[in-house]
Each structure stands twice: as C-alpha cells, then as structure tokens.
Amino acid sequence: MTLPEQISNYLKQFTVGIAGCGGLGSNCAVALARVGVGKLIIADYDIVTEQNLNRQYYFHDQIGRLKVHALSENIKRINSSVIVKSFDMKLCVSDIIELYSGCNVIVEAFDKAEMKQMIIETVLTKMNGKSLVVGVGMAGWGNSISISTRRSENLIICGDEVSEVSETLPVLAPRVGMVANMQANEVLDILLKDFKPEN
C-alpha cells in the first residue's frame, strides 16, 4: 500500500465538522474529501449564486441550489467513500454543540465576524478540548507571504488576520483557496499526529 493510500485508510476513522459552505468551507471540505477523511458534517443555510463561483467550489448548473446539497454532491463525485451529513440551517450555539460534539476537529468557515466570534466562544468554552481551525484575513490578492498559521492551544488561526473585505479589497479565489487549504492542512496535522506509516 502506498503512503497516500495508508493515509487515506487511516483518515477514514475521523469526522470533521465544517461550519459554513462558502469560499472557505467548500474548498476545505473538498481538500479533506480528496485525502480521504471518513465523515464530514457540513452546515449552511445559503444557496449558490453566480457571484459565488469566483471562489467557491460550485458549478454554474448548481446556481439556486442549497450549498449543503450542492457541496455534498460535489464531494461524492470526488470521493464516493466519504460520508457527508449536511444540514440546511443557520447555526446557533446549541446547534454547534449538537452537530459537532462528535467531531474530531471543527473548521470555522463563516463570512460574518459575529458568527466567527460565536463559534470560537462556543467551542473554546463549551466543548472542552475540541480543536477549532478558523480562517481570518484573506481579502484581496498578492502578498502571499502575509498568510500564515497561528496556534493558541485548541484554536488554530489561518490567514493574515487583518485584510477585511471591502469595496477595494474583494474576496477572490487565490487567497481564499490558500486559507481554505491551510485549514485542511491543519486538520490533517491534528488527525495524523499518531499516524505511523507501514514499511
């Protein structure tokens, strides 16, 4: 068995929660599906729009569909062995605890700052020991070196932590994709900490 096959086989035992299925969530979910994470629990209440296609993992014929259903379909096309549990809902504190308590890691992928704050506070204060990987600061283009990862116990922050979306600083595929894939990479770092390759 090759090393990528061993990794994929090992990852089947884990469940990752993804809160939000926009630019960060859809791209992070796809990256995790490609490496073979066993189960993804995704939640979002939004629908796919044409404006989403410049950075989110959806297709033109999915416009108008719920993001959770379209993303679930896309993941199945990439890796049919991944179990996807999708929830069409706007998450609140009790939902986060209920949906993600059985997850090995949680990924925050919200657009709004207040939602980011809510999930950070919920996971860190009410879900003892659970790791949360968040994305903060990815607007604009260029300046790749500013995007990094910072860890504070069970909180992992990916992004530049400063570039907020504005009329002159839009969210575009390259930097969003970089942060989403960094989030997926941090999830793997957590899940593979006890992985031992076979010789």
N, C-alpha and C. Protein backbone atom coordinates (compact mmCIF):
# COMPACT_ATOMS: atom_id res chain seq x y z
N MET A 1 0.85 -1.19 0.00
CA MET A 1 0.00 0.00 0.00
C MET A 1 0.90 1.25 0.00
N THR A 2 0.62 2.18 -0.91
CA THR A 2 1.43 3.42 -0.97
C THR A 2 1.13 4.29 0.25
N LEU A 3 2.02 5.26 0.50
CA LEU A 3 1.82 6.14 1.64
C LEU A 3 0.51 6.94 1.54
N PRO A 4 0.19 7.53 0.38
CA PRO A 4 -1.11 8.22 0.28
C PRO A 4 -2.30 7.29 0.57
N GLU A 5 -2.20 6.03 0.15
CA GLU A 5 -3.26 5.05 0.42
C GLU A 5 -3.34 4.75 1.92
N GLN A 6 -2.18 4.62 2.55
CA GLN A 6 -2.15 4.38 4.01
C GLN A 6 -2.79 5.55 4.76
N ILE A 7 -2.47 6.77 4.33
CA ILE A 7 -3.02 7.97 4.97
C ILE A 7 -4.53 8.01 4.80
N SER A 8 -4.99 7.77 3.58
CA SER A 8 -6.42 7.78 3.30
C SER A 8 -7.14 6.72 4.13
N ASN A 9 -6.55 5.55 4.23
CA ASN A 9 -7.14 4.46 5.01
C ASN A 9 -7.23 4.83 6.49
N TYR A 10 -6.18 5.47 6.99
CA TYR A 10 -6.14 5.89 8.40
C TYR A 10 -7.19 6.97 8.69
N LEU A 11 -7.35 7.90 7.75
CA LEU A 11 -8.26 9.03 7.95
C LEU A 11 -9.74 8.64 7.94
N LYS A 12 -10.05 7.45 7.47
CA LYS A 12 -11.45 7.01 7.40
C LYS A 12 -12.13 6.96 8.77
N GLN A 13 -11.35 6.86 9.83
CA GLN A 13 -11.92 6.74 11.18
C GLN A 13 -12.36 8.08 11.76
N PHE A 14 -12.04 9.19 11.08
CA PHE A 14 -12.26 10.51 11.68
C PHE A 14 -13.46 11.25 11.07
N THR A 15 -14.02 12.14 11.90
CA THR A 15 -15.13 13.01 11.49
C THR A 15 -14.71 14.46 11.67
N VAL A 16 -14.93 15.27 10.64
CA VAL A 16 -14.61 16.69 10.70
C VAL A 16 -15.89 17.49 10.48
N GLY A 17 -16.11 18.47 11.34
CA GLY A 17 -17.25 19.38 11.19
C GLY A 17 -16.83 20.64 10.47
N ILE A 18 -17.66 21.08 9.53
CA ILE A 18 -17.38 22.31 8.80
C ILE A 18 -18.59 23.23 8.93
N ALA A 19 -18.37 24.39 9.55
CA ALA A 19 -19.44 25.34 9.80
C ALA A 19 -19.38 26.45 8.76
N GLY A 20 -20.24 26.35 7.74
CA GLY A 20 -20.24 27.29 6.63
C GLY A 20 -19.72 26.62 5.38
N CYS A 21 -20.41 26.85 4.26
CA CYS A 21 -20.04 26.17 3.00
C CYS A 21 -19.78 27.15 1.87
N GLY A 22 -19.20 28.30 2.21
CA GLY A 22 -18.84 29.29 1.20
C GLY A 22 -17.43 29.05 0.67
N GLY A 23 -16.67 30.14 0.51
CA GLY A 23 -15.33 30.02 -0.06
C GLY A 23 -14.41 29.14 0.77
N LEU A 24 -14.37 29.37 2.06
CA LEU A 24 -13.52 28.55 2.93
C LEU A 24 -14.08 27.14 3.07
N GLY A 25 -15.34 27.03 3.46
CA GLY A 25 -15.93 25.73 3.76
C GLY A 25 -15.96 24.77 2.60
N SER A 26 -16.37 25.27 1.42
CA SER A 26 -16.49 24.37 0.27
C SER A 26 -15.13 23.88 -0.18
N ASN A 27 -14.14 24.76 -0.21
CA ASN A 27 -12.80 24.36 -0.65
C ASN A 27 -12.09 23.49 0.38
N CYS A 28 -12.28 23.79 1.65
CA CYS A 28 -11.68 22.96 2.71
C CYS A 28 -12.30 21.56 2.69
N ALA A 29 -13.61 21.49 2.55
CA ALA A 29 -14.30 20.19 2.51
C ALA A 29 -13.80 19.33 1.36
N VAL A 30 -13.62 19.94 0.21
CA VAL A 30 -13.14 19.20 -0.96
C VAL A 30 -11.71 18.69 -0.73
N ALA A 31 -10.86 19.52 -0.14
CA ALA A 31 -9.48 19.08 0.15
C ALA A 31 -9.49 17.90 1.11
N LEU A 32 -10.35 17.94 2.13
CA LEU A 32 -10.42 16.84 3.09
C LEU A 32 -11.00 15.58 2.47
N ALA A 33 -11.95 15.76 1.57
CA ALA A 33 -12.53 14.60 0.86
C ALA A 33 -11.47 13.95 -0.03
N ARG A 34 -10.64 14.74 -0.67
CA ARG A 34 -9.60 14.21 -1.56
C ARG A 34 -8.59 13.34 -0.82
N VAL A 35 -8.29 13.69 0.44
CA VAL A 35 -7.31 12.90 1.19
C VAL A 35 -7.96 11.73 1.93
N GLY A 36 -9.30 11.69 1.96
CA GLY A 36 -9.96 10.50 2.49
C GLY A 36 -10.52 10.58 3.89
N VAL A 37 -10.75 11.81 4.43
CA VAL A 37 -11.40 11.90 5.75
C VAL A 37 -12.73 11.16 5.69
N GLY A 38 -12.99 10.34 6.71
CA GLY A 38 -14.13 9.42 6.66
C GLY A 38 -15.50 10.05 6.62
N LYS A 39 -15.69 11.11 7.41
CA LYS A 39 -17.03 11.71 7.52
C LYS A 39 -16.91 13.22 7.67
N LEU A 40 -17.75 13.94 6.94
CA LEU A 40 -17.82 15.39 7.04
C LEU A 40 -19.23 15.78 7.47
N ILE A 41 -19.32 16.67 8.44
CA ILE A 41 -20.61 17.22 8.85
C ILE A 41 -20.60 18.68 8.44
N ILE A 42 -21.42 19.04 7.45
CA ILE A 42 -21.42 20.39 6.91
C ILE A 42 -22.76 21.08 7.21
N ALA A 43 -22.70 22.38 7.42
CA ALA A 43 -23.91 23.14 7.70
C ALA A 43 -23.83 24.53 7.08
N ASP A 44 -24.93 24.95 6.47
CA ASP A 44 -25.05 26.29 5.88
C ASP A 44 -26.52 26.45 5.50
N TYR A 45 -26.99 27.68 5.40
CA TYR A 45 -28.39 27.91 5.04
C TYR A 45 -28.54 28.64 3.71
N ASP A 46 -27.42 28.93 3.07
CA ASP A 46 -27.42 29.77 1.88
C ASP A 46 -27.57 28.95 0.60
N ILE A 47 -27.87 29.65 -0.50
CA ILE A 47 -27.94 29.00 -1.81
C ILE A 47 -26.76 29.47 -2.67
N VAL A 48 -26.44 28.69 -3.68
CA VAL A 48 -25.37 29.03 -4.62
C VAL A 48 -25.85 30.15 -5.54
N THR A 49 -25.04 31.20 -5.67
CA THR A 49 -25.34 32.29 -6.61
C THR A 49 -24.21 32.39 -7.63
N GLU A 50 -24.47 33.11 -8.71
CA GLU A 50 -23.43 33.28 -9.73
C GLU A 50 -22.21 33.99 -9.15
N GLN A 51 -22.43 34.92 -8.21
CA GLN A 51 -21.32 35.65 -7.61
C GLN A 51 -20.41 34.73 -6.78
N ASN A 52 -20.94 33.61 -6.32
CA ASN A 52 -20.12 32.67 -5.53
C ASN A 52 -19.08 31.94 -6.36
N LEU A 53 -19.31 31.84 -7.66
CA LEU A 53 -18.48 30.97 -8.50
C LEU A 53 -17.05 31.46 -8.67
N ASN A 54 -16.77 32.70 -8.27
CA ASN A 54 -15.39 33.20 -8.42
C ASN A 54 -14.45 32.68 -7.34
N ARG A 55 -15.02 31.94 -6.32
CA ARG A 55 -14.13 31.48 -5.25
C ARG A 55 -14.64 30.24 -4.52
N GLN A 56 -15.87 29.83 -4.78
CA GLN A 56 -16.45 28.71 -4.04
C GLN A 56 -16.53 27.47 -4.92
N TYR A 57 -16.49 26.28 -4.30
CA TYR A 57 -16.41 25.04 -5.07
C TYR A 57 -17.80 24.58 -5.53
N TYR A 58 -18.36 25.38 -6.46
CA TYR A 58 -19.66 25.04 -7.05
C TYR A 58 -19.56 25.26 -8.55
N PHE A 59 -20.61 24.84 -9.25
CA PHE A 59 -20.64 24.93 -10.70
C PHE A 59 -21.87 25.69 -11.17
N HIS A 60 -21.79 26.19 -12.40
CA HIS A 60 -22.85 27.05 -12.93
C HIS A 60 -24.22 26.38 -12.88
N ASP A 61 -24.28 25.08 -13.12
CA ASP A 61 -25.58 24.40 -13.11
C ASP A 61 -26.11 24.16 -11.70
N GLN A 62 -25.34 24.57 -10.67
CA GLN A 62 -25.80 24.44 -9.29
C GLN A 62 -26.35 25.75 -8.72
N ILE A 63 -26.35 26.80 -9.52
CA ILE A 63 -26.90 28.08 -9.07
C ILE A 63 -28.36 27.90 -8.66
N GLY A 64 -28.71 28.44 -7.50
CA GLY A 64 -30.08 28.33 -6.98
C GLY A 64 -30.29 27.17 -6.03
N ARG A 65 -29.33 26.27 -5.98
CA ARG A 65 -29.46 25.12 -5.07
C ARG A 65 -28.87 25.46 -3.70
N LEU A 66 -29.33 24.76 -2.68
CA LEU A 66 -28.74 24.92 -1.35
C LEU A 66 -27.28 24.49 -1.41
N LYS A 67 -26.41 25.28 -0.78
CA LYS A 67 -24.99 24.98 -0.81
C LYS A 67 -24.69 23.61 -0.20
N VAL A 68 -25.36 23.26 0.90
CA VAL A 68 -25.04 21.98 1.53
C VAL A 68 -25.35 20.80 0.61
N HIS A 69 -26.42 20.90 -0.19
CA HIS A 69 -26.76 19.81 -1.10
C HIS A 69 -25.80 19.77 -2.29
N ALA A 70 -25.48 20.95 -2.84
CA ALA A 70 -24.56 21.01 -3.98
C ALA A 70 -23.16 20.53 -3.57
N LEU A 71 -22.69 20.95 -2.39
CA LEU A 71 -21.37 20.55 -1.92
C LEU A 71 -21.32 19.05 -1.65
N SER A 72 -22.36 18.52 -1.04
CA SER A 72 -22.43 17.09 -0.79
C SER A 72 -22.31 16.30 -2.09
N GLU A 73 -23.00 16.78 -3.11
CA GLU A 73 -22.96 16.14 -4.43
C GLU A 73 -21.55 16.21 -5.02
N ASN A 74 -20.90 17.36 -4.90
CA ASN A 74 -19.55 17.53 -5.45
C ASN A 74 -18.54 16.63 -4.74
N ILE A 75 -18.69 16.52 -3.41
CA ILE A 75 -17.80 15.65 -2.65
C ILE A 75 -17.97 14.20 -3.09
N LYS A 76 -19.20 13.77 -3.27
CA LYS A 76 -19.47 12.39 -3.70
C LYS A 76 -18.85 12.11 -5.07
N ARG A 77 -18.81 13.11 -5.94
CA ARG A 77 -18.21 12.94 -7.27
C ARG A 77 -16.69 12.81 -7.16
N ILE A 78 -16.11 13.41 -6.13
CA ILE A 78 -14.65 13.36 -5.93
C ILE A 78 -14.24 12.09 -5.20
N ASN A 79 -14.97 11.77 -4.13
CA ASN A 79 -14.63 10.59 -3.32
C ASN A 79 -15.92 10.02 -2.74
N SER A 80 -16.44 9.02 -3.40
CA SER A 80 -17.75 8.47 -3.02
C SER A 80 -17.73 7.73 -1.68
N SER A 81 -16.55 7.47 -1.13
CA SER A 81 -16.49 6.76 0.15
C SER A 81 -16.66 7.69 1.35
N VAL A 82 -16.56 9.00 1.13
CA VAL A 82 -16.72 9.96 2.23
C VAL A 82 -18.20 10.07 2.59
N ILE A 83 -18.50 9.91 3.87
CA ILE A 83 -19.87 10.10 4.35
C ILE A 83 -20.07 11.59 4.61
N VAL A 84 -21.12 12.16 4.02
CA VAL A 84 -21.41 13.58 4.21
C VAL A 84 -22.77 13.72 4.87
N LYS A 85 -22.80 14.36 6.02
CA LYS A 85 -24.05 14.71 6.69
C LYS A 85 -24.23 16.20 6.52
N SER A 86 -25.29 16.60 5.80
CA SER A 86 -25.48 18.02 5.52
C SER A 86 -26.72 18.56 6.23
N PHE A 87 -26.58 19.78 6.74
CA PHE A 87 -27.65 20.42 7.49
C PHE A 87 -27.90 21.82 6.93
N ASP A 88 -29.12 22.03 6.44
CA ASP A 88 -29.55 23.31 5.90
C ASP A 88 -30.07 24.15 7.06
N MET A 89 -29.18 24.92 7.67
CA MET A 89 -29.58 25.72 8.83
C MET A 89 -28.56 26.81 9.13
N LYS A 90 -29.05 27.89 9.76
CA LYS A 90 -28.16 28.93 10.28
C LYS A 90 -27.81 28.51 11.70
N LEU A 91 -26.54 28.28 11.94
CA LEU A 91 -26.11 27.71 13.21
C LEU A 91 -26.19 28.70 14.38
N CYS A 92 -26.61 28.19 15.51
CA CYS A 92 -26.57 28.94 16.77
C CYS A 92 -25.73 28.13 17.75
N VAL A 93 -25.58 28.61 18.96
CA VAL A 93 -24.72 27.95 19.95
C VAL A 93 -25.15 26.50 20.18
N SER A 94 -26.43 26.27 20.42
CA SER A 94 -26.90 24.91 20.71
C SER A 94 -26.72 23.98 19.50
N ASP A 95 -26.90 24.51 18.30
CA ASP A 95 -26.70 23.70 17.08
C ASP A 95 -25.25 23.26 16.97
N ILE A 96 -24.33 24.17 17.22
CA ILE A 96 -22.90 23.86 17.12
C ILE A 96 -22.54 22.73 18.07
N ILE A 97 -23.03 22.83 19.30
CA ILE A 97 -22.75 21.79 20.29
C ILE A 97 -23.36 20.46 19.86
N GLU A 98 -24.59 20.51 19.38
CA GLU A 98 -25.29 19.27 18.99
C GLU A 98 -24.68 18.61 17.76
N LEU A 99 -24.42 19.41 16.72
CA LEU A 99 -23.94 18.84 15.46
C LEU A 99 -22.49 18.40 15.51
N TYR A 100 -21.65 19.16 16.23
CA TYR A 100 -20.21 18.96 16.12
C TYR A 100 -19.55 18.33 17.34
N SER A 101 -20.33 17.96 18.35
CA SER A 101 -19.73 17.40 19.57
C SER A 101 -19.00 16.08 19.30
N GLY A 102 -19.45 15.32 18.30
CA GLY A 102 -18.80 14.05 17.98
C GLY A 102 -17.67 14.15 16.98
N CYS A 103 -17.34 15.37 16.57
CA CYS A 103 -16.27 15.57 15.58
C CYS A 103 -14.90 15.56 16.24
N ASN A 104 -13.92 15.10 15.50
CA ASN A 104 -12.54 15.12 15.98
C ASN A 104 -11.94 16.52 15.88
N VAL A 105 -12.36 17.28 14.88
CA VAL A 105 -11.91 18.66 14.66
C VAL A 105 -13.07 19.43 14.05
N ILE A 106 -13.13 20.73 14.32
CA ILE A 106 -14.15 21.60 13.73
C ILE A 106 -13.45 22.69 12.92
N VAL A 107 -14.00 22.98 11.74
CA VAL A 107 -13.49 24.05 10.89
C VAL A 107 -14.52 25.17 10.86
N GLU A 108 -14.09 26.39 11.18
CA GLU A 108 -14.94 27.58 11.08
C GLU A 108 -14.78 28.16 9.70
N ALA A 109 -15.90 28.39 9.02
CA ALA A 109 -15.85 28.91 7.65
C ALA A 109 -16.98 29.91 7.40
N PHE A 110 -17.20 30.79 8.37
CA PHE A 110 -18.25 31.81 8.25
C PHE A 110 -17.73 33.07 7.57
N ASP A 111 -18.67 33.84 7.01
CA ASP A 111 -18.33 35.14 6.41
C ASP A 111 -18.33 36.24 7.46
N LYS A 112 -19.31 36.21 8.34
CA LYS A 112 -19.54 37.32 9.26
C LYS A 112 -18.73 37.19 10.55
N ALA A 113 -18.18 38.34 10.99
CA ALA A 113 -17.33 38.37 12.19
C ALA A 113 -18.07 37.90 13.43
N GLU A 114 -19.35 38.27 13.56
CA GLU A 114 -20.10 37.88 14.76
C GLU A 114 -20.32 36.37 14.82
N MET A 115 -20.46 35.74 13.66
CA MET A 115 -20.61 34.28 13.62
C MET A 115 -19.29 33.60 13.97
N LYS A 116 -18.19 34.16 13.48
CA LYS A 116 -16.86 33.64 13.83
C LYS A 116 -16.65 33.71 15.35
N GLN A 117 -16.98 34.86 15.93
CA GLN A 117 -16.82 35.03 17.36
C GLN A 117 -17.68 34.04 18.13
N MET A 118 -18.91 33.84 17.65
CA MET A 118 -19.84 32.94 18.33
C MET A 118 -19.32 31.50 18.35
N ILE A 119 -18.82 31.02 17.23
CA ILE A 119 -18.34 29.62 17.21
C ILE A 119 -17.03 29.48 18.00
N ILE A 120 -16.17 30.49 17.95
CA ILE A 120 -14.93 30.42 18.74
C ILE A 120 -15.26 30.34 20.22
N GLU A 121 -16.14 31.22 20.68
CA GLU A 121 -16.51 31.22 22.10
C GLU A 121 -17.21 29.92 22.50
N THR A 122 -18.08 29.42 21.62
CA THR A 122 -18.81 28.18 21.92
C THR A 122 -17.87 26.99 22.04
N VAL A 123 -17.00 26.82 21.06
CA VAL A 123 -16.11 25.65 21.06
C VAL A 123 -15.11 25.73 22.22
N LEU A 124 -14.53 26.90 22.44
CA LEU A 124 -13.50 27.00 23.46
C LEU A 124 -14.04 26.96 24.89
N THR A 125 -15.29 27.39 25.08
CA THR A 125 -15.83 27.41 26.45
C THR A 125 -16.80 26.28 26.76
N LYS A 126 -17.43 25.70 25.74
CA LYS A 126 -18.46 24.69 26.00
C LYS A 126 -18.14 23.31 25.42
N MET A 127 -17.06 23.19 24.66
CA MET A 127 -16.71 21.91 24.04
C MET A 127 -15.27 21.58 24.41
N ASN A 128 -15.08 21.22 25.64
CA ASN A 128 -13.78 21.05 26.26
C ASN A 128 -12.80 20.22 25.44
N GLY A 129 -11.67 20.83 25.11
CA GLY A 129 -10.60 20.11 24.42
C GLY A 129 -10.76 19.95 22.92
N LYS A 130 -11.86 20.44 22.36
CA LYS A 130 -12.11 20.31 20.92
C LYS A 130 -11.27 21.33 20.15
N SER A 131 -10.58 20.89 19.10
CA SER A 131 -9.78 21.79 18.27
C SER A 131 -10.66 22.49 17.25
N LEU A 132 -10.41 23.80 17.08
CA LEU A 132 -11.15 24.62 16.12
C LEU A 132 -10.15 25.31 15.21
N VAL A 133 -10.36 25.15 13.89
CA VAL A 133 -9.49 25.78 12.90
C VAL A 133 -10.29 26.88 12.21
N VAL A 134 -9.85 28.14 12.35
CA VAL A 134 -10.59 29.27 11.81
C VAL A 134 -9.81 29.96 10.70
N GLY A 135 -10.55 30.70 9.87
CA GLY A 135 -9.94 31.49 8.80
C GLY A 135 -10.22 32.96 9.02
N VAL A 136 -9.17 33.77 9.13
CA VAL A 136 -9.33 35.21 9.37
C VAL A 136 -8.34 35.98 8.51
N GLY A 137 -8.86 36.81 7.60
CA GLY A 137 -7.99 37.68 6.80
C GLY A 137 -7.52 37.03 5.52
N MET A 138 -8.32 37.19 4.45
CA MET A 138 -7.94 36.59 3.16
C MET A 138 -8.39 37.44 1.98
N ALA A 139 -8.86 38.65 2.24
CA ALA A 139 -9.36 39.50 1.15
C ALA A 139 -8.20 39.99 0.28
N GLY A 140 -8.54 40.36 -0.94
CA GLY A 140 -7.57 40.93 -1.86
C GLY A 140 -6.79 39.90 -2.66
N TRP A 141 -5.60 40.30 -3.07
CA TRP A 141 -4.76 39.43 -3.91
C TRP A 141 -3.30 39.72 -3.60
N GLY A 142 -2.43 38.86 -4.11
CA GLY A 142 -0.99 39.04 -3.87
C GLY A 142 -0.64 38.88 -2.40
N ASN A 143 0.56 39.35 -2.04
CA ASN A 143 1.03 39.35 -0.65
C ASN A 143 0.85 37.97 0.01
N SER A 144 1.20 36.94 -0.71
CA SER A 144 1.03 35.56 -0.20
C SER A 144 1.79 35.33 1.10
N ILE A 145 2.91 36.01 1.25
CA ILE A 145 3.75 35.77 2.43
C ILE A 145 3.06 36.21 3.73
N SER A 146 2.04 37.06 3.62
CA SER A 146 1.34 37.54 4.83
C SER A 146 0.40 36.48 5.41
N ILE A 147 0.07 35.47 4.62
CA ILE A 147 -0.85 34.43 5.08
C ILE A 147 -0.07 33.38 5.87
N SER A 148 -0.50 33.15 7.08
CA SER A 148 0.23 32.22 7.94
C SER A 148 -0.73 31.51 8.89
N THR A 149 -0.17 30.72 9.78
CA THR A 149 -0.95 29.98 10.77
C THR A 149 -0.45 30.33 12.16
N ARG A 150 -1.40 30.54 13.06
CA ARG A 150 -1.05 30.82 14.46
C ARG A 150 -1.86 29.90 15.36
N ARG A 151 -1.19 29.32 16.34
CA ARG A 151 -1.86 28.39 17.25
C ARG A 151 -1.89 28.94 18.66
N SER A 152 -3.05 28.74 19.31
CA SER A 152 -3.19 29.10 20.71
C SER A 152 -4.00 27.98 21.37
N GLU A 153 -3.29 26.98 21.89
CA GLU A 153 -3.91 25.79 22.47
C GLU A 153 -4.81 25.11 21.43
N ASN A 154 -6.13 25.07 21.66
CA ASN A 154 -7.02 24.36 20.73
C ASN A 154 -7.56 25.23 19.60
N LEU A 155 -7.09 26.48 19.52
CA LEU A 155 -7.51 27.39 18.46
C LEU A 155 -6.38 27.58 17.47
N ILE A 156 -6.67 27.29 16.19
CA ILE A 156 -5.69 27.47 15.12
C ILE A 156 -6.27 28.49 14.16
N ILE A 157 -5.52 29.57 13.90
CA ILE A 157 -5.99 30.66 13.04
C ILE A 157 -5.17 30.66 11.75
N CYS A 158 -5.87 30.59 10.61
CA CYS A 158 -5.22 30.63 9.30
C CYS A 158 -5.64 31.92 8.58
N GLY A 159 -4.68 32.60 7.97
CA GLY A 159 -4.96 33.84 7.25
C GLY A 159 -3.97 34.91 7.64
N ASP A 160 -4.21 36.15 7.19
CA ASP A 160 -3.30 37.22 7.58
C ASP A 160 -3.82 37.99 8.79
N GLU A 161 -5.05 37.68 9.20
CA GLU A 161 -5.70 38.23 10.40
C GLU A 161 -6.00 39.72 10.32
N VAL A 162 -5.79 40.35 9.16
CA VAL A 162 -6.06 41.79 9.06
C VAL A 162 -6.89 42.20 7.85
N SER A 163 -6.73 41.55 6.71
CA SER A 163 -7.38 42.04 5.48
C SER A 163 -8.87 41.70 5.47
N GLU A 164 -9.68 42.73 5.71
CA GLU A 164 -11.12 42.58 5.72
C GLU A 164 -11.69 42.94 4.35
N VAL A 165 -12.79 42.31 4.02
CA VAL A 165 -13.45 42.55 2.74
C VAL A 165 -13.99 43.98 2.68
N SER A 166 -13.75 44.65 1.56
CA SER A 166 -14.28 46.00 1.34
C SER A 166 -14.50 46.19 -0.16
N GLU A 167 -14.96 47.36 -0.55
CA GLU A 167 -15.19 47.63 -1.97
C GLU A 167 -13.89 47.61 -2.75
N THR A 168 -12.79 47.95 -2.12
CA THR A 168 -11.49 47.95 -2.80
C THR A 168 -10.68 46.69 -2.53
N LEU A 169 -11.19 45.82 -1.64
CA LEU A 169 -10.49 44.59 -1.28
C LEU A 169 -11.49 43.43 -1.30
N PRO A 170 -11.77 42.89 -2.49
CA PRO A 170 -12.75 41.80 -2.58
C PRO A 170 -12.16 40.45 -2.18
N VAL A 171 -13.05 39.47 -2.00
CA VAL A 171 -12.55 38.10 -1.78
C VAL A 171 -12.46 37.43 -3.15
N LEU A 172 -11.29 36.88 -3.43
CA LEU A 172 -11.01 36.24 -4.71
C LEU A 172 -10.45 34.84 -4.48
N ALA A 173 -10.58 34.01 -5.50
CA ALA A 173 -10.25 32.59 -5.38
C ALA A 173 -8.85 32.29 -4.84
N PRO A 174 -7.77 32.94 -5.31
CA PRO A 174 -6.45 32.50 -4.88
C PRO A 174 -6.22 32.56 -3.37
N ARG A 175 -6.47 33.72 -2.75
CA ARG A 175 -6.20 33.83 -1.30
C ARG A 175 -7.22 33.05 -0.48
N VAL A 176 -8.46 33.03 -0.92
CA VAL A 176 -9.47 32.21 -0.22
C VAL A 176 -9.06 30.74 -0.27
N GLY A 177 -8.64 30.29 -1.46
CA GLY A 177 -8.21 28.91 -1.62
C GLY A 177 -6.99 28.58 -0.78
N MET A 178 -6.06 29.54 -0.68
CA MET A 178 -4.87 29.32 0.14
C MET A 178 -5.26 29.08 1.60
N VAL A 179 -6.15 29.94 2.12
CA VAL A 179 -6.54 29.81 3.53
C VAL A 179 -7.36 28.54 3.75
N ALA A 180 -8.27 28.23 2.83
CA ALA A 180 -9.08 27.01 2.95
C ALA A 180 -8.20 25.77 2.97
N ASN A 181 -7.19 25.75 2.12
CA ASN A 181 -6.30 24.59 2.08
C ASN A 181 -5.35 24.56 3.28
N MET A 182 -5.00 25.73 3.81
CA MET A 182 -4.23 25.76 5.05
C MET A 182 -5.07 25.18 6.19
N GLN A 183 -6.36 25.52 6.21
CA GLN A 183 -7.24 24.96 7.23
C GLN A 183 -7.28 23.44 7.12
N ALA A 184 -7.44 22.94 5.90
CA ALA A 184 -7.46 21.48 5.69
C ALA A 184 -6.14 20.86 6.13
N ASN A 185 -5.04 21.54 5.85
CA ASN A 185 -3.72 21.04 6.23
C ASN A 185 -3.57 20.98 7.75
N GLU A 186 -4.10 21.98 8.45
CA GLU A 186 -4.05 21.98 9.92
C GLU A 186 -4.92 20.85 10.49
N VAL A 187 -6.06 20.60 9.86
CA VAL A 187 -6.90 19.47 10.28
C VAL A 187 -6.11 18.17 10.15
N LEU A 188 -5.42 17.99 9.03
CA LEU A 188 -4.61 16.78 8.84
C LEU A 188 -3.51 16.68 9.88
N ASP A 189 -2.90 17.80 10.22
CA ASP A 189 -1.84 17.79 11.23
C ASP A 189 -2.37 17.26 12.56
N ILE A 190 -3.60 17.62 12.88
CA ILE A 190 -4.23 17.14 14.13
C ILE A 190 -4.57 15.66 14.01
N LEU A 191 -5.22 15.28 12.91
CA LEU A 191 -5.71 13.91 12.76
C LEU A 191 -4.58 12.88 12.59
N LEU A 192 -3.48 13.32 12.01
CA LEU A 192 -2.39 12.38 11.72
C LEU A 192 -1.30 12.36 12.78
N LYS A 193 -1.55 12.98 13.93
CA LYS A 193 -0.49 13.08 14.94
C LYS A 193 -0.01 11.72 15.43
N ASP A 194 -0.88 10.70 15.42
CA ASP A 194 -0.48 9.36 15.88
C ASP A 194 -0.31 8.37 14.72
N PHE A 195 -0.34 8.88 13.49
CA PHE A 195 -0.22 8.00 12.33
C PHE A 195 1.21 7.47 12.19
N LYS A 196 1.33 6.17 12.00
CA LYS A 196 2.64 5.55 11.80
C LYS A 196 2.62 4.77 10.49
N PRO A 197 3.36 5.21 9.49
CA PRO A 197 3.38 4.52 8.20
C PRO A 197 3.91 3.10 8.32
N GLU A 198 3.36 2.22 7.50
CA GLU A 198 3.87 0.86 7.41
C GLU A 198 5.07 0.84 6.51
N ASN A 199 6.04 0.00 6.84
CA ASN A 199 7.25 -0.10 5.99
C ASN A 199 6.98 -0.89 4.73
